[in-house]
Amino acid sequence: HLSAEREDNFAAGLSMGGYGAFKLVLAKPEMFSAAASLSGALDMAWRTKNVPPERVRGMELIFGDLDKLKGSANDLFALARQAAKAGSPMPRLYQYCGTEDFLYKANVRFRKHAEKLGYDLTYVESPGDHQWKYWDEQIQQVLAWLPLKQR
């Protein structure tokens, strides 16, 4: 269940879930106040251009025509731009990625894009790759970062 109060609604995820968390809040910034992505697959337009041939069909089932992904509702860069231009409150973003993660360069690209658009972005990187031991540490930081009400 979602709260009727925007400031009570957050999303978080890791890897593809990090993409999903950012997609959700950037598509509906009027409903969500914050999102966290841990080693997120944040640049799907780039990612789908570099997918092994045997995985193309699966990506098409998720995103449709991969040649039309850039600028679409599945492109976080486009969603971030649209949300920033909308004039409504922009969600706060928390982004983490390990410097040895295969998604690191895409995370750096998204960080630069979000900063340029004026998002309140907390960006953290550290040595590490794409595995739970880094996410377990970072989720504690995310929980401390979220504006959770004491109940």
N, C-alpha and C. Protein backbone atom coordinates (compact mmCIF):
# COMPACT_ATOMS: atom_id res chain seq x y z
N HIS A 1 0.83 -1.17 0.00
CA HIS A 1 0.00 0.00 0.00
C HIS A 1 0.88 1.24 0.00
N LEU A 2 0.46 2.23 -0.74
CA LEU A 2 1.15 3.51 -0.75
C LEU A 2 0.42 4.49 0.14
N SER A 3 1.18 5.35 0.75
CA SER A 3 0.59 6.41 1.54
C SER A 3 0.01 7.47 0.59
N ALA A 4 -0.97 8.18 1.05
CA ALA A 4 -1.50 9.31 0.29
C ALA A 4 -0.53 10.49 0.36
N GLU A 5 0.44 10.41 1.27
CA GLU A 5 1.44 11.46 1.45
C GLU A 5 2.71 11.10 0.67
N ARG A 6 3.08 11.93 -0.29
CA ARG A 6 4.26 11.71 -1.12
C ARG A 6 5.51 11.46 -0.28
N GLU A 7 5.68 12.23 0.79
CA GLU A 7 6.90 12.13 1.59
C GLU A 7 7.04 10.79 2.32
N ASP A 8 5.99 9.99 2.34
CA ASP A 8 6.05 8.67 2.97
C ASP A 8 6.38 7.55 1.99
N ASN A 9 6.50 7.85 0.69
CA ASN A 9 6.68 6.81 -0.32
C ASN A 9 8.09 6.84 -0.91
N PHE A 10 8.74 5.68 -0.87
CA PHE A 10 10.10 5.52 -1.35
C PHE A 10 10.19 4.23 -2.16
N ALA A 11 11.25 4.11 -2.95
CA ALA A 11 11.54 2.86 -3.65
C ALA A 11 13.04 2.62 -3.61
N ALA A 12 13.43 1.36 -3.54
CA ALA A 12 14.85 1.01 -3.55
C ALA A 12 15.02 -0.34 -4.21
N GLY A 13 16.19 -0.53 -4.80
CA GLY A 13 16.47 -1.82 -5.42
C GLY A 13 17.93 -1.92 -5.80
N LEU A 14 18.33 -3.13 -6.16
CA LEU A 14 19.70 -3.35 -6.60
C LEU A 14 19.70 -3.98 -7.98
N SER A 15 20.72 -3.65 -8.75
CA SER A 15 20.88 -4.14 -10.12
C SER A 15 19.65 -3.73 -10.95
N MET A 16 18.93 -4.67 -11.53
CA MET A 16 17.73 -4.30 -12.30
C MET A 16 16.67 -3.68 -11.39
N GLY A 17 16.66 -4.04 -10.12
CA GLY A 17 15.75 -3.41 -9.17
C GLY A 17 16.10 -1.95 -8.92
N GLY A 18 17.38 -1.60 -9.04
CA GLY A 18 17.80 -0.21 -8.93
C GLY A 18 17.27 0.60 -10.10
N TYR A 19 17.31 -0.02 -11.28
CA TYR A 19 16.69 0.60 -12.46
C TYR A 19 15.19 0.80 -12.19
N GLY A 20 14.53 -0.24 -11.70
CA GLY A 20 13.10 -0.18 -11.44
C GLY A 20 12.73 0.87 -10.41
N ALA A 21 13.52 0.99 -9.35
CA ALA A 21 13.25 1.99 -8.31
C ALA A 21 13.33 3.40 -8.89
N PHE A 22 14.39 3.67 -9.65
CA PHE A 22 14.53 5.00 -10.25
C PHE A 22 13.44 5.23 -11.31
N LYS A 23 13.11 4.21 -12.07
CA LYS A 23 12.06 4.37 -13.09
C LYS A 23 10.74 4.73 -12.43
N LEU A 24 10.41 4.06 -11.35
CA LEU A 24 9.16 4.30 -10.65
C LEU A 24 9.06 5.74 -10.15
N VAL A 25 10.09 6.21 -9.45
CA VAL A 25 9.99 7.56 -8.88
C VAL A 25 10.15 8.66 -9.91
N LEU A 26 10.92 8.40 -10.96
CA LEU A 26 11.08 9.42 -12.00
C LEU A 26 9.83 9.51 -12.88
N ALA A 27 9.13 8.40 -13.03
CA ALA A 27 7.89 8.41 -13.81
C ALA A 27 6.74 8.99 -13.00
N LYS A 28 6.79 8.87 -11.69
CA LYS A 28 5.71 9.34 -10.80
C LYS A 28 6.27 10.18 -9.65
N PRO A 29 6.97 11.26 -9.95
CA PRO A 29 7.57 12.05 -8.86
C PRO A 29 6.53 12.69 -7.95
N GLU A 30 5.31 12.81 -8.43
CA GLU A 30 4.25 13.36 -7.58
C GLU A 30 3.81 12.36 -6.50
N MET A 31 4.19 11.09 -6.65
CA MET A 31 3.80 10.04 -5.69
C MET A 31 4.94 9.60 -4.77
N PHE A 32 6.19 9.82 -5.20
CA PHE A 32 7.36 9.31 -4.47
C PHE A 32 8.33 10.44 -4.16
N SER A 33 8.87 10.43 -2.96
CA SER A 33 9.80 11.48 -2.57
C SER A 33 11.27 11.07 -2.68
N ALA A 34 11.55 9.77 -2.75
CA ALA A 34 12.95 9.35 -2.77
C ALA A 34 13.09 7.95 -3.36
N ALA A 35 14.29 7.71 -3.89
CA ALA A 35 14.62 6.37 -4.41
C ALA A 35 16.10 6.09 -4.21
N ALA A 36 16.42 4.82 -4.04
CA ALA A 36 17.80 4.38 -3.92
C ALA A 36 18.07 3.28 -4.93
N SER A 37 19.21 3.39 -5.58
CA SER A 37 19.66 2.39 -6.54
C SER A 37 21.04 1.92 -6.13
N LEU A 38 21.18 0.63 -5.91
CA LEU A 38 22.47 0.04 -5.57
C LEU A 38 22.94 -0.78 -6.76
N SER A 39 24.02 -0.35 -7.39
CA SER A 39 24.57 -0.99 -8.59
C SER A 39 23.49 -1.15 -9.65
N GLY A 40 22.73 -0.10 -9.87
CA GLY A 40 21.60 -0.16 -10.79
C GLY A 40 22.01 -0.20 -12.25
N ALA A 41 21.18 -0.86 -13.04
CA ALA A 41 21.33 -0.89 -14.50
C ALA A 41 20.63 0.37 -15.02
N LEU A 42 21.29 1.51 -14.88
CA LEU A 42 20.62 2.79 -15.07
C LEU A 42 20.61 3.30 -16.50
N ASP A 43 21.44 2.76 -17.36
CA ASP A 43 21.49 3.23 -18.75
C ASP A 43 21.07 2.08 -19.67
N MET A 44 19.77 1.81 -19.69
CA MET A 44 19.27 0.68 -20.47
C MET A 44 19.41 0.90 -21.98
N ALA A 45 19.36 2.13 -22.46
CA ALA A 45 19.56 2.37 -23.89
C ALA A 45 20.95 1.90 -24.30
N TRP A 46 21.94 2.17 -23.49
CA TRP A 46 23.30 1.69 -23.77
C TRP A 46 23.39 0.19 -23.54
N ARG A 47 22.83 -0.26 -22.44
CA ARG A 47 22.93 -1.68 -22.07
C ARG A 47 22.33 -2.59 -23.14
N THR A 48 21.19 -2.22 -23.70
CA THR A 48 20.55 -3.08 -24.69
C THR A 48 21.29 -3.06 -26.03
N LYS A 49 22.14 -2.07 -26.25
CA LYS A 49 22.97 -2.05 -27.47
C LYS A 49 24.15 -3.00 -27.33
N ASN A 50 24.45 -3.40 -26.12
CA ASN A 50 25.62 -4.24 -25.85
C ASN A 50 25.25 -5.58 -25.22
N VAL A 51 24.07 -6.06 -25.57
CA VAL A 51 23.59 -7.33 -25.01
C VAL A 51 23.99 -8.47 -25.96
N PRO A 52 24.37 -9.61 -25.41
CA PRO A 52 24.69 -10.75 -26.27
C PRO A 52 23.49 -11.14 -27.13
N PRO A 53 23.73 -11.58 -28.34
CA PRO A 53 22.63 -11.91 -29.27
C PRO A 53 21.59 -12.85 -28.69
N GLU A 54 22.00 -13.80 -27.87
CA GLU A 54 21.05 -14.76 -27.30
C GLU A 54 20.12 -14.12 -26.26
N ARG A 55 20.41 -12.91 -25.83
CA ARG A 55 19.56 -12.23 -24.84
C ARG A 55 18.69 -11.13 -25.45
N VAL A 56 18.86 -10.88 -26.73
CA VAL A 56 18.11 -9.80 -27.38
C VAL A 56 16.61 -10.03 -27.28
N ARG A 57 16.14 -11.22 -27.58
CA ARG A 57 14.70 -11.49 -27.56
C ARG A 57 14.10 -11.22 -26.17
N GLY A 58 14.79 -11.64 -25.13
CA GLY A 58 14.30 -11.39 -23.77
C GLY A 58 14.21 -9.90 -23.48
N MET A 59 15.19 -9.14 -23.91
CA MET A 59 15.15 -7.69 -23.73
C MET A 59 14.01 -7.06 -24.52
N GLU A 60 13.75 -7.57 -25.70
CA GLU A 60 12.64 -7.05 -26.51
C GLU A 60 11.29 -7.33 -25.84
N LEU A 61 11.18 -8.47 -25.18
CA LEU A 61 9.94 -8.79 -24.48
C LEU A 61 9.70 -7.81 -23.31
N ILE A 62 10.78 -7.32 -22.73
CA ILE A 62 10.67 -6.38 -21.62
C ILE A 62 10.47 -4.95 -22.11
N PHE A 63 11.28 -4.52 -23.09
CA PHE A 63 11.34 -3.11 -23.47
C PHE A 63 10.72 -2.79 -24.83
N GLY A 64 10.32 -3.80 -25.58
CA GLY A 64 9.83 -3.54 -26.94
C GLY A 64 10.98 -3.37 -27.90
N ASP A 65 10.77 -2.63 -28.95
CA ASP A 65 11.79 -2.39 -29.97
C ASP A 65 12.99 -1.69 -29.33
N LEU A 66 14.13 -2.37 -29.28
CA LEU A 66 15.30 -1.83 -28.61
C LEU A 66 15.84 -0.57 -29.30
N ASP A 67 15.59 -0.44 -30.59
CA ASP A 67 16.03 0.76 -31.31
C ASP A 67 15.23 1.99 -30.91
N LYS A 68 14.11 1.79 -30.22
CA LYS A 68 13.27 2.91 -29.80
C LYS A 68 13.33 3.15 -28.29
N LEU A 69 14.23 2.47 -27.60
CA LEU A 69 14.31 2.60 -26.15
C LEU A 69 14.80 3.99 -25.74
N LYS A 70 15.82 4.51 -26.40
CA LYS A 70 16.36 5.84 -26.05
C LYS A 70 15.26 6.89 -26.22
N GLY A 71 15.03 7.65 -25.16
CA GLY A 71 14.01 8.69 -25.18
C GLY A 71 12.61 8.21 -24.82
N SER A 72 12.47 6.92 -24.57
CA SER A 72 11.15 6.35 -24.26
C SER A 72 10.89 6.38 -22.75
N ALA A 73 9.74 5.87 -22.37
CA ALA A 73 9.38 5.78 -20.95
C ALA A 73 10.22 4.75 -20.20
N ASN A 74 11.07 4.00 -20.90
CA ASN A 74 11.98 3.04 -20.28
C ASN A 74 13.40 3.58 -20.14
N ASP A 75 13.61 4.81 -20.56
CA ASP A 75 14.93 5.45 -20.55
C ASP A 75 15.01 6.38 -19.34
N LEU A 76 15.81 6.03 -18.35
CA LEU A 76 15.90 6.84 -17.13
C LEU A 76 16.42 8.24 -17.41
N PHE A 77 17.29 8.38 -18.39
CA PHE A 77 17.82 9.70 -18.72
C PHE A 77 16.68 10.61 -19.21
N ALA A 78 15.80 10.07 -20.04
CA ALA A 78 14.65 10.84 -20.53
C ALA A 78 13.66 11.11 -19.41
N LEU A 79 13.39 10.11 -18.56
CA LEU A 79 12.47 10.31 -17.44
C LEU A 79 12.99 11.37 -16.47
N ALA A 80 14.28 11.35 -16.19
CA ALA A 80 14.86 12.34 -15.28
C ALA A 80 14.71 13.75 -15.87
N ARG A 81 14.94 13.87 -17.16
CA ARG A 81 14.80 15.16 -17.83
C ARG A 81 13.34 15.64 -17.77
N GLN A 82 12.40 14.75 -18.06
CA GLN A 82 10.98 15.11 -18.04
C GLN A 82 10.53 15.51 -16.64
N ALA A 83 10.93 14.76 -15.64
CA ALA A 83 10.54 15.07 -14.26
C ALA A 83 11.13 16.42 -13.83
N ALA A 84 12.36 16.70 -14.23
CA ALA A 84 12.99 17.98 -13.88
C ALA A 84 12.27 19.16 -14.54
N LYS A 85 11.81 18.96 -15.76
CA LYS A 85 11.13 20.03 -16.50
C LYS A 85 9.69 20.22 -16.06
N ALA A 86 9.11 19.22 -15.39
CA ALA A 86 7.69 19.27 -15.04
C ALA A 86 7.37 20.35 -14.01
N GLY A 87 8.35 20.74 -13.23
CA GLY A 87 8.12 21.79 -12.25
C GLY A 87 7.57 21.31 -10.93
N SER A 88 7.23 20.03 -10.82
CA SER A 88 6.77 19.50 -9.54
C SER A 88 7.99 19.10 -8.71
N PRO A 89 7.80 18.83 -7.44
CA PRO A 89 8.95 18.44 -6.61
C PRO A 89 9.68 17.23 -7.19
N MET A 90 11.00 17.33 -7.25
CA MET A 90 11.81 16.24 -7.77
C MET A 90 12.18 15.30 -6.62
N PRO A 91 12.18 14.01 -6.88
CA PRO A 91 12.55 13.07 -5.82
C PRO A 91 14.04 13.17 -5.48
N ARG A 92 14.35 12.87 -4.23
CA ARG A 92 15.74 12.74 -3.80
C ARG A 92 16.23 11.38 -4.28
N LEU A 93 17.48 11.30 -4.69
CA LEU A 93 18.04 10.06 -5.21
C LEU A 93 19.30 9.68 -4.43
N TYR A 94 19.42 8.38 -4.17
CA TYR A 94 20.63 7.81 -3.57
C TYR A 94 21.15 6.77 -4.55
N GLN A 95 22.40 6.90 -4.90
CA GLN A 95 22.98 6.02 -5.91
C GLN A 95 24.32 5.49 -5.42
N TYR A 96 24.47 4.18 -5.46
CA TYR A 96 25.73 3.53 -5.09
C TYR A 96 26.16 2.59 -6.21
N CYS A 97 27.48 2.55 -6.44
CA CYS A 97 28.03 1.53 -7.34
C CYS A 97 29.49 1.30 -7.00
N GLY A 98 29.91 0.05 -7.05
CA GLY A 98 31.31 -0.29 -6.85
C GLY A 98 32.12 0.05 -8.09
N THR A 99 33.36 0.46 -7.88
CA THR A 99 34.20 0.90 -9.00
C THR A 99 34.64 -0.25 -9.91
N GLU A 100 34.50 -1.47 -9.47
CA GLU A 100 34.81 -2.63 -10.31
C GLU A 100 33.55 -3.30 -10.86
N ASP A 101 32.41 -2.73 -10.60
CA ASP A 101 31.13 -3.27 -11.07
C ASP A 101 31.04 -3.08 -12.59
N PHE A 102 30.49 -4.04 -13.29
CA PHE A 102 30.34 -3.92 -14.74
C PHE A 102 29.37 -2.81 -15.12
N LEU A 103 28.58 -2.32 -14.18
CA LEU A 103 27.65 -1.21 -14.42
C LEU A 103 28.19 0.14 -13.96
N TYR A 104 29.44 0.19 -13.55
CA TYR A 104 30.02 1.41 -12.99
C TYR A 104 29.97 2.59 -13.97
N LYS A 105 30.41 2.40 -15.19
CA LYS A 105 30.44 3.52 -16.15
C LYS A 105 29.04 4.07 -16.42
N ALA A 106 28.06 3.19 -16.49
CA ALA A 106 26.68 3.64 -16.69
C ALA A 106 26.19 4.43 -15.48
N ASN A 107 26.60 4.02 -14.29
CA ASN A 107 26.22 4.75 -13.08
C ASN A 107 26.86 6.15 -13.05
N VAL A 108 28.09 6.24 -13.50
CA VAL A 108 28.75 7.55 -13.56
C VAL A 108 28.02 8.45 -14.58
N ARG A 109 27.64 7.89 -15.71
CA ARG A 109 26.90 8.68 -16.71
C ARG A 109 25.58 9.19 -16.13
N PHE A 110 24.86 8.33 -15.42
CA PHE A 110 23.59 8.78 -14.85
C PHE A 110 23.83 9.82 -13.75
N ARG A 111 24.83 9.62 -12.92
CA ARG A 111 25.15 10.60 -11.88
C ARG A 111 25.36 11.99 -12.49
N LYS A 112 26.17 12.07 -13.53
CA LYS A 112 26.46 13.36 -14.17
C LYS A 112 25.18 13.97 -14.74
N HIS A 113 24.35 13.15 -15.32
CA HIS A 113 23.09 13.62 -15.90
C HIS A 113 22.17 14.18 -14.80
N ALA A 114 22.00 13.44 -13.72
CA ALA A 114 21.13 13.86 -12.63
C ALA A 114 21.65 15.13 -11.97
N GLU A 115 22.95 15.23 -11.78
CA GLU A 115 23.54 16.43 -11.19
C GLU A 115 23.31 17.64 -12.10
N LYS A 116 23.49 17.45 -13.38
CA LYS A 116 23.29 18.54 -14.34
C LYS A 116 21.85 19.05 -14.31
N LEU A 117 20.91 18.14 -14.08
CA LEU A 117 19.49 18.50 -14.02
C LEU A 117 19.08 19.10 -12.68
N GLY A 118 19.97 19.05 -11.69
CA GLY A 118 19.69 19.66 -10.40
C GLY A 118 19.04 18.75 -9.37
N TYR A 119 19.14 17.45 -9.56
CA TYR A 119 18.58 16.53 -8.56
C TYR A 119 19.36 16.58 -7.26
N ASP A 120 18.66 16.36 -6.17
CA ASP A 120 19.28 16.18 -4.86
C ASP A 120 19.76 14.73 -4.85
N LEU A 121 21.01 14.54 -5.22
CA LEU A 121 21.57 13.20 -5.42
C LEU A 121 22.68 12.95 -4.42
N THR A 122 22.55 11.86 -3.68
CA THR A 122 23.63 11.37 -2.85
C THR A 122 24.28 10.24 -3.64
N TYR A 123 25.54 10.43 -4.01
CA TYR A 123 26.24 9.44 -4.82
C TYR A 123 27.39 8.87 -4.00
N VAL A 124 27.44 7.54 -3.95
CA VAL A 124 28.48 6.84 -3.21
C VAL A 124 29.10 5.79 -4.12
N GLU A 125 30.42 5.75 -4.13
CA GLU A 125 31.11 4.65 -4.80
C GLU A 125 32.23 4.18 -3.89
N SER A 126 32.60 2.94 -4.09
CA SER A 126 33.68 2.36 -3.30
C SER A 126 34.25 1.20 -4.09
N PRO A 127 35.43 0.72 -3.71
CA PRO A 127 35.92 -0.48 -4.36
C PRO A 127 34.89 -1.60 -4.20
N GLY A 128 34.67 -2.35 -5.25
CA GLY A 128 33.72 -3.45 -5.16
C GLY A 128 33.10 -3.75 -6.51
N ASP A 129 32.53 -4.93 -6.60
CA ASP A 129 31.88 -5.34 -7.84
C ASP A 129 30.39 -5.60 -7.57
N HIS A 130 29.79 -6.45 -8.36
CA HIS A 130 28.34 -6.63 -8.37
C HIS A 130 27.93 -7.80 -7.48
N GLN A 131 27.94 -7.57 -6.15
CA GLN A 131 27.57 -8.66 -5.25
C GLN A 131 27.01 -8.16 -3.92
N TRP A 132 26.33 -9.09 -3.26
CA TRP A 132 25.57 -8.79 -2.05
C TRP A 132 26.38 -8.18 -0.93
N LYS A 133 27.64 -8.56 -0.76
CA LYS A 133 28.38 -8.04 0.40
C LYS A 133 28.49 -6.52 0.37
N TYR A 134 28.51 -5.92 -0.79
CA TYR A 134 28.54 -4.45 -0.90
C TYR A 134 27.14 -3.86 -0.69
N TRP A 135 26.15 -4.51 -1.24
CA TRP A 135 24.77 -4.02 -1.09
C TRP A 135 24.29 -4.13 0.35
N ASP A 136 24.69 -5.20 1.06
CA ASP A 136 24.33 -5.34 2.47
C ASP A 136 24.85 -4.16 3.29
N GLU A 137 26.08 -3.72 2.98
CA GLU A 137 26.63 -2.56 3.68
C GLU A 137 25.87 -1.28 3.30
N GLN A 138 25.62 -1.12 2.02
CA GLN A 138 25.01 0.12 1.54
C GLN A 138 23.55 0.29 1.95
N ILE A 139 22.81 -0.80 2.06
CA ILE A 139 21.40 -0.65 2.41
C ILE A 139 21.26 -0.02 3.81
N GLN A 140 22.23 -0.25 4.66
CA GLN A 140 22.21 0.40 5.98
C GLN A 140 22.35 1.91 5.83
N GLN A 141 23.19 2.33 4.89
CA GLN A 141 23.36 3.76 4.62
C GLN A 141 22.08 4.35 4.01
N VAL A 142 21.44 3.58 3.15
CA VAL A 142 20.18 4.03 2.54
C VAL A 142 19.12 4.23 3.62
N LEU A 143 19.00 3.29 4.52
CA LEU A 143 18.00 3.40 5.59
C LEU A 143 18.26 4.61 6.47
N ALA A 144 19.53 4.92 6.72
CA ALA A 144 19.86 6.11 7.50
C ALA A 144 19.57 7.39 6.71
N TRP A 145 19.69 7.34 5.41
CA TRP A 145 19.47 8.49 4.52
C TRP A 145 17.98 8.80 4.33
N LEU A 146 17.16 7.78 4.32
CA LEU A 146 15.73 8.00 4.09
C LEU A 146 15.11 8.81 5.22
N PRO A 147 14.20 9.71 4.88
CA PRO A 147 13.53 10.50 5.93
C PRO A 147 12.37 9.71 6.55
N LEU A 148 12.71 8.66 7.25
CA LEU A 148 11.69 7.81 7.86
C LEU A 148 11.13 8.46 9.11
N LYS A 149 9.82 8.44 9.22
CA LYS A 149 9.16 8.97 10.42
C LYS A 149 9.28 7.95 11.55
N GLN A 150 9.49 8.45 12.73
CA GLN A 150 9.49 7.56 13.91
C GLN A 150 8.05 7.18 14.20
N ARG A 151 7.78 5.91 14.34
CA ARG A 151 6.42 5.46 14.57
C ARG A 151 6.29 4.95 15.98
